[in-house]
Amino acid sequence: MMISFRNMTDKEWDQIQDVHLKGAFSCTHAAWPIFRKQKFGRIVNTASAAGLFGKTPRRVSPLALP
């Protein structure tokens, strides 16, 4: 379901950000001890094309990932 920015609540905004940004953080955080132990690791965060062509607010989240 697409929610327009005008009608979006703070809770709905937070849910979208949690999925996209917190998800990337959580995966990185879980892998960190393994990377430290083996003294090497790489993480590749990907985002959907919605970051370029989607509609606000889903467009914002993918662009926030490095």
Protein backbone atom coordinates (compact mmCIF):
# COMPACT_ATOMS: atom_id res chain seq x y z
CA MET A 1 0.00 0.00 0.00
CA MET A 2 1.41 3.36 -1.02
CA ILE A 3 0.90 6.12 1.51
CA SER A 4 1.06 9.71 0.35
CA PHE A 5 3.42 11.99 2.21
CA ARG A 6 0.58 14.37 2.98
CA ASN A 7 -1.43 11.68 4.75
CA MET A 8 1.47 9.93 6.45
CA THR A 9 1.70 9.70 10.23
CA ASP A 10 4.92 9.72 12.24
CA LYS A 11 4.38 6.04 13.04
CA GLU A 12 4.09 5.12 9.35
CA TRP A 13 7.26 7.10 8.56
CA ASP A 14 9.12 5.33 11.35
CA GLN A 15 7.99 1.91 10.10
CA ILE A 16 9.37 2.59 6.62
CA GLN A 17 12.68 3.82 7.99
CA ASP A 18 12.92 0.84 10.34
CA VAL A 19 12.59 -1.61 7.46
CA HIS A 20 15.14 0.06 5.22
CA LEU A 21 17.68 1.70 7.51
CA LYS A 22 17.44 -0.33 10.67
CA GLY A 23 17.47 -3.51 8.61
CA ALA A 24 20.83 -2.58 7.09
CA PHE A 25 22.16 -1.62 10.52
CA SER A 26 20.97 -4.87 12.11
CA CYS A 27 22.60 -7.04 9.44
CA THR A 28 25.87 -5.13 9.71
CA HIS A 29 25.80 -5.30 13.49
CA ALA A 30 25.24 -9.07 13.41
CA ALA A 31 28.15 -9.63 10.99
CA TRP A 32 30.58 -7.36 12.84
CA PRO A 33 31.88 -9.94 15.37
CA ILE A 34 32.65 -12.38 12.55
CA PHE A 35 34.49 -9.71 10.61
CA ARG A 36 36.52 -8.78 13.67
CA LYS A 37 37.43 -12.41 14.34
CA GLN A 38 38.63 -13.04 10.80
CA LYS A 39 40.11 -9.50 10.53
CA PHE A 40 38.29 -8.92 7.28
CA GLY A 41 34.80 -8.40 5.98
CA ARG A 42 32.79 -6.51 3.46
CA ILE A 43 29.21 -5.42 3.42
CA VAL A 44 27.39 -4.38 0.29
CA ASN A 45 24.15 -2.58 0.98
CA THR A 46 21.75 -2.52 -1.93
CA ALA A 47 18.62 -0.51 -2.44
CA SER A 48 15.75 -0.73 -4.84
CA ALA A 49 15.29 1.47 -7.87
CA ALA A 50 12.55 3.15 -5.86
CA GLY A 51 15.36 5.27 -4.47
CA LEU A 52 15.69 6.85 -7.88
CA PHE A 53 12.25 6.54 -9.37
CA GLY A 54 9.88 5.87 -6.49
CA LYS A 55 7.62 8.21 -4.64
CA THR A 56 8.19 9.86 -1.30
CA PRO A 57 8.55 8.58 1.42
CA ARG A 58 9.88 5.21 0.24
CA ARG A 59 12.23 7.07 -2.04
CA VAL A 60 14.12 8.57 0.89
CA SER A 61 15.16 5.34 2.63
CA PRO A 62 17.23 3.69 -0.12
CA LEU A 63 19.07 6.95 -0.73
CA ALA A 64 20.12 7.06 2.92
CA LEU A 65 22.26 3.93 2.53
CA PRO A 66 25.86 4.57 1.51
